[in-house]
Amino acid sequence: MRKAFSMSGLILSCMSPAFAAPPPGHEPAYYGPPESIPPPARDRAFDRLVSELTDLREIALELQASDGGTLTAEHSDYIQERIDAAFAVYRRHHD
């Protein structure tokens, strides 16, 4: 019985607020960037690529619906040509 009592006392003492509090004068760690660092610049070419691909997805869904659920070979080739052109423009800005 004595062991159970002392073990529960140990557990309760570890759970007290005084045990969990940081030492006086201790500042919590800050893991973010310093305030003087500006946010990273947005990549406009990447934003244009995402916008173009999003538009192409909508066009492909409309063509798929008009084709009865499956893109025709012509429409599939058209979409693929537009995707290739969008990536070519993106690569041109990053080389």
N, C-alpha and C. Protein backbone atom coordinates (compact mmCIF):
# COMPACT_ATOMS: atom_id res chain seq x y z
N MET A 1 0.82 -1.18 0.00
CA MET A 1 0.00 0.00 0.00
C MET A 1 0.87 1.24 0.00
N ARG A 2 1.96 1.17 0.71
CA ARG A 2 2.85 2.33 0.82
C ARG A 2 3.46 2.65 -0.56
N LYS A 3 3.83 1.66 -1.35
CA LYS A 3 4.40 1.89 -2.67
C LYS A 3 3.39 2.57 -3.58
N ALA A 4 2.15 2.15 -3.53
CA ALA A 4 1.12 2.76 -4.36
C ALA A 4 0.92 4.21 -3.98
N PHE A 5 0.95 4.50 -2.69
CA PHE A 5 0.77 5.87 -2.24
C PHE A 5 1.94 6.75 -2.69
N SER A 6 3.17 6.28 -2.54
CA SER A 6 4.32 7.09 -2.92
C SER A 6 4.40 7.27 -4.44
N MET A 7 3.98 6.26 -5.18
CA MET A 7 3.99 6.38 -6.64
C MET A 7 2.96 7.40 -7.10
N SER A 8 1.78 7.40 -6.50
CA SER A 8 0.77 8.39 -6.87
C SER A 8 1.21 9.78 -6.46
N GLY A 9 1.92 9.89 -5.33
CA GLY A 9 2.46 11.19 -4.92
C GLY A 9 3.48 11.70 -5.92
N LEU A 10 4.31 10.82 -6.44
CA LEU A 10 5.30 11.20 -7.45
C LEU A 10 4.61 11.67 -8.73
N ILE A 11 3.60 10.95 -9.14
CA ILE A 11 2.87 11.33 -10.36
C ILE A 11 2.19 12.68 -10.17
N LEU A 12 1.56 12.89 -9.03
CA LEU A 12 0.89 14.16 -8.77
C LEU A 12 1.88 15.32 -8.70
N SER A 13 3.07 15.07 -8.12
CA SER A 13 4.04 16.15 -8.03
C SER A 13 4.58 16.52 -9.41
N CYS A 14 4.66 15.57 -10.33
CA CYS A 14 5.11 15.87 -11.70
C CYS A 14 4.05 16.63 -12.48
N MET A 15 2.82 16.53 -12.08
CA MET A 15 1.74 17.19 -12.80
C MET A 15 1.45 18.59 -12.26
N SER A 16 2.14 19.00 -11.24
CA SER A 16 1.84 20.31 -10.66
C SER A 16 2.26 21.43 -11.60
N PRO A 17 1.59 22.58 -11.57
CA PRO A 17 1.94 23.71 -12.45
C PRO A 17 3.34 24.22 -12.22
N ALA A 18 3.85 24.12 -11.00
CA ALA A 18 5.20 24.61 -10.72
C ALA A 18 6.23 23.77 -11.45
N PHE A 19 5.98 22.48 -11.60
CA PHE A 19 6.91 21.60 -12.29
C PHE A 19 6.92 21.90 -13.79
N ALA A 20 5.77 22.25 -14.36
CA ALA A 20 5.65 22.47 -15.80
C ALA A 20 6.06 23.87 -16.23
N ALA A 21 6.14 24.81 -15.30
CA ALA A 21 6.46 26.19 -15.66
C ALA A 21 7.93 26.33 -16.06
N PRO A 22 8.23 27.16 -17.07
CA PRO A 22 9.64 27.37 -17.43
C PRO A 22 10.35 28.16 -16.33
N PRO A 23 11.66 28.06 -16.27
CA PRO A 23 12.38 28.81 -15.25
C PRO A 23 12.21 30.31 -15.45
N PRO A 24 12.32 31.10 -14.40
CA PRO A 24 12.16 32.56 -14.54
C PRO A 24 13.18 33.13 -15.52
N GLY A 25 12.73 34.06 -16.35
CA GLY A 25 13.60 34.70 -17.33
C GLY A 25 13.82 33.89 -18.58
N HIS A 26 13.23 32.73 -18.67
CA HIS A 26 13.40 31.88 -19.85
C HIS A 26 12.36 32.26 -20.89
N GLU A 27 12.80 32.66 -22.06
CA GLU A 27 11.89 33.01 -23.16
C GLU A 27 11.58 31.76 -23.97
N PRO A 28 10.35 31.59 -24.40
CA PRO A 28 10.04 30.43 -25.25
C PRO A 28 10.76 30.56 -26.59
N ALA A 29 11.10 29.44 -27.17
CA ALA A 29 11.82 29.44 -28.45
C ALA A 29 10.92 29.96 -29.56
N TYR A 30 11.49 30.74 -30.45
CA TYR A 30 10.76 31.25 -31.61
C TYR A 30 11.41 30.63 -32.84
N TYR A 31 10.64 29.88 -33.59
CA TYR A 31 11.19 29.15 -34.71
C TYR A 31 10.89 29.79 -36.07
N GLY A 32 10.21 30.89 -36.10
CA GLY A 32 9.90 31.57 -37.35
C GLY A 32 11.06 32.42 -37.82
N PRO A 33 10.96 32.97 -39.05
CA PRO A 33 12.04 33.82 -39.55
C PRO A 33 12.06 35.15 -38.83
N PRO A 34 13.22 35.79 -38.78
CA PRO A 34 13.28 37.13 -38.18
C PRO A 34 12.39 38.10 -38.96
N GLU A 35 11.95 39.13 -38.31
CA GLU A 35 11.05 40.09 -38.94
C GLU A 35 11.70 40.84 -40.10
N SER A 36 13.03 40.91 -40.14
CA SER A 36 13.70 41.69 -41.17
C SER A 36 13.76 40.97 -42.51
N ILE A 37 13.48 39.66 -42.54
CA ILE A 37 13.54 38.92 -43.80
C ILE A 37 12.22 39.09 -44.54
N PRO A 38 12.25 39.59 -45.79
CA PRO A 38 11.00 39.75 -46.54
C PRO A 38 10.47 38.39 -46.97
N PRO A 39 9.19 38.29 -47.23
CA PRO A 39 8.65 37.01 -47.71
C PRO A 39 9.24 36.68 -49.08
N PRO A 40 9.31 35.41 -49.43
CA PRO A 40 9.88 35.05 -50.73
C PRO A 40 9.07 35.64 -51.88
N ALA A 41 9.77 35.98 -52.95
CA ALA A 41 9.11 36.57 -54.12
C ALA A 41 8.26 35.50 -54.81
N ARG A 42 7.13 35.91 -55.30
CA ARG A 42 6.26 35.01 -56.03
C ARG A 42 6.85 34.76 -57.41
N ASP A 43 6.74 33.56 -57.87
CA ASP A 43 7.22 33.19 -59.19
C ASP A 43 6.07 33.41 -60.18
N ARG A 44 6.14 34.49 -60.93
CA ARG A 44 5.04 34.84 -61.84
C ARG A 44 4.87 33.81 -62.95
N ALA A 45 5.98 33.26 -63.43
CA ALA A 45 5.88 32.25 -64.50
C ALA A 45 5.16 31.01 -63.98
N PHE A 46 5.44 30.62 -62.75
CA PHE A 46 4.76 29.46 -62.17
C PHE A 46 3.28 29.77 -61.97
N ASP A 47 2.97 30.97 -61.52
CA ASP A 47 1.56 31.36 -61.35
C ASP A 47 0.81 31.32 -62.68
N ARG A 48 1.48 31.78 -63.75
CA ARG A 48 0.85 31.73 -65.08
C ARG A 48 0.64 30.29 -65.52
N LEU A 49 1.63 29.42 -65.25
CA LEU A 49 1.50 28.00 -65.62
C LEU A 49 0.32 27.37 -64.89
N VAL A 50 0.21 27.60 -63.60
CA VAL A 50 -0.91 27.03 -62.83
C VAL A 50 -2.24 27.55 -63.36
N SER A 51 -2.29 28.84 -63.67
CA SER A 51 -3.52 29.42 -64.20
C SER A 51 -3.88 28.80 -65.55
N GLU A 52 -2.90 28.64 -66.41
CA GLU A 52 -3.14 28.04 -67.73
C GLU A 52 -3.60 26.59 -67.60
N LEU A 53 -2.96 25.83 -66.73
CA LEU A 53 -3.35 24.43 -66.55
C LEU A 53 -4.73 24.31 -65.93
N THR A 54 -5.08 25.23 -65.04
CA THR A 54 -6.42 25.22 -64.45
C THR A 54 -7.47 25.51 -65.53
N ASP A 55 -7.18 26.48 -66.38
CA ASP A 55 -8.10 26.79 -67.48
C ASP A 55 -8.23 25.61 -68.43
N LEU A 56 -7.10 24.96 -68.72
CA LEU A 56 -7.13 23.80 -69.61
C LEU A 56 -7.93 22.65 -69.01
N ARG A 57 -7.87 22.50 -67.72
CA ARG A 57 -8.67 21.45 -67.07
C ARG A 57 -10.15 21.71 -67.27
N GLU A 58 -10.56 22.95 -67.12
CA GLU A 58 -11.97 23.29 -67.34
C GLU A 58 -12.38 23.04 -68.79
N ILE A 59 -11.51 23.43 -69.73
CA ILE A 59 -11.79 23.20 -71.15
C ILE A 59 -11.89 21.70 -71.42
N ALA A 60 -10.96 20.92 -70.87
CA ALA A 60 -10.96 19.47 -71.08
C ALA A 60 -12.24 18.84 -70.53
N LEU A 61 -12.68 19.30 -69.36
CA LEU A 61 -13.93 18.76 -68.80
C LEU A 61 -15.13 19.09 -69.67
N GLU A 62 -15.16 20.31 -70.23
CA GLU A 62 -16.26 20.68 -71.12
C GLU A 62 -16.22 19.86 -72.39
N LEU A 63 -15.02 19.67 -72.97
CA LEU A 63 -14.91 18.85 -74.18
C LEU A 63 -15.28 17.40 -73.90
N GLN A 64 -14.88 16.90 -72.75
CA GLN A 64 -15.21 15.53 -72.39
C GLN A 64 -16.71 15.35 -72.28
N ALA A 65 -17.38 16.31 -71.68
CA ALA A 65 -18.84 16.24 -71.55
C ALA A 65 -19.50 16.30 -72.92
N SER A 66 -18.97 17.15 -73.81
CA SER A 66 -19.56 17.25 -75.15
C SER A 66 -19.27 16.02 -76.00
N ASP A 67 -18.20 15.29 -75.65
CA ASP A 67 -17.85 14.07 -76.40
C ASP A 67 -18.54 12.83 -75.84
N GLY A 68 -19.37 12.98 -74.84
CA GLY A 68 -20.09 11.84 -74.30
C GLY A 68 -19.35 11.09 -73.20
N GLY A 69 -18.41 11.73 -72.55
CA GLY A 69 -17.73 11.11 -71.41
C GLY A 69 -16.28 10.74 -71.66
N THR A 70 -15.88 10.66 -72.92
CA THR A 70 -14.49 10.34 -73.26
C THR A 70 -14.02 11.31 -74.33
N LEU A 71 -12.83 11.86 -74.13
CA LEU A 71 -12.29 12.80 -75.11
C LEU A 71 -12.03 12.09 -76.43
N THR A 72 -12.36 12.75 -77.53
CA THR A 72 -11.99 12.21 -78.84
C THR A 72 -10.48 12.38 -79.02
N ALA A 73 -9.93 11.69 -79.98
CA ALA A 73 -8.49 11.79 -80.24
C ALA A 73 -8.11 13.22 -80.60
N GLU A 74 -8.96 13.90 -81.38
CA GLU A 74 -8.67 15.30 -81.77
C GLU A 74 -8.65 16.21 -80.55
N HIS A 75 -9.63 16.07 -79.68
CA HIS A 75 -9.69 16.92 -78.50
C HIS A 75 -8.54 16.60 -77.53
N SER A 76 -8.21 15.33 -77.41
CA SER A 76 -7.09 14.94 -76.56
C SER A 76 -5.78 15.54 -77.07
N ASP A 77 -5.57 15.47 -78.38
CA ASP A 77 -4.37 16.06 -78.98
C ASP A 77 -4.34 17.57 -78.78
N TYR A 78 -5.50 18.22 -78.91
CA TYR A 78 -5.58 19.67 -78.72
C TYR A 78 -5.18 20.05 -77.28
N ILE A 79 -5.72 19.33 -76.32
CA ILE A 79 -5.39 19.62 -74.92
C ILE A 79 -3.91 19.36 -74.66
N GLN A 80 -3.37 18.26 -75.20
CA GLN A 80 -1.96 17.95 -74.98
C GLN A 80 -1.05 19.00 -75.61
N GLU A 81 -1.41 19.52 -76.78
CA GLU A 81 -0.62 20.58 -77.41
C GLU A 81 -0.61 21.84 -76.55
N ARG A 82 -1.76 22.17 -75.98
CA ARG A 82 -1.83 23.35 -75.11
C ARG A 82 -1.02 23.15 -73.83
N ILE A 83 -1.04 21.95 -73.28
CA ILE A 83 -0.23 21.66 -72.09
C ILE A 83 1.25 21.79 -72.41
N ASP A 84 1.67 21.19 -73.54
CA ASP A 84 3.07 21.28 -73.94
C ASP A 84 3.50 22.72 -74.16
N ALA A 85 2.63 23.54 -74.77
CA ALA A 85 2.95 24.94 -75.00
C ALA A 85 3.08 25.70 -73.68
N ALA A 86 2.21 25.41 -72.73
CA ALA A 86 2.27 26.09 -71.42
C ALA A 86 3.57 25.75 -70.71
N PHE A 87 3.99 24.48 -70.75
CA PHE A 87 5.25 24.11 -70.11
C PHE A 87 6.45 24.68 -70.85
N ALA A 88 6.36 24.81 -72.18
CA ALA A 88 7.46 25.40 -72.94
C ALA A 88 7.67 26.85 -72.54
N VAL A 89 6.58 27.59 -72.36
CA VAL A 89 6.69 28.99 -71.93
C VAL A 89 7.29 29.05 -70.53
N TYR A 90 6.87 28.15 -69.65
CA TYR A 90 7.40 28.13 -68.30
C TYR A 90 8.91 27.84 -68.30
N ARG A 91 9.31 26.82 -69.07
CA ARG A 91 10.73 26.46 -69.14
C ARG A 91 11.57 27.59 -69.72
N ARG A 92 11.03 28.33 -70.67
CA ARG A 92 11.75 29.43 -71.29
C ARG A 92 12.07 30.50 -70.25
N HIS A 93 11.20 30.70 -69.29
CA HIS A 93 11.42 31.72 -68.26
C HIS A 93 12.34 31.24 -67.15
N HIS A 94 12.59 29.92 -67.09
CA HIS A 94 13.43 29.37 -66.01
C HIS A 94 14.75 28.82 -66.47
N ASP A 95 15.08 28.95 -67.71
CA ASP A 95 16.39 28.46 -68.19
C ASP A 95 17.42 29.56 -68.20
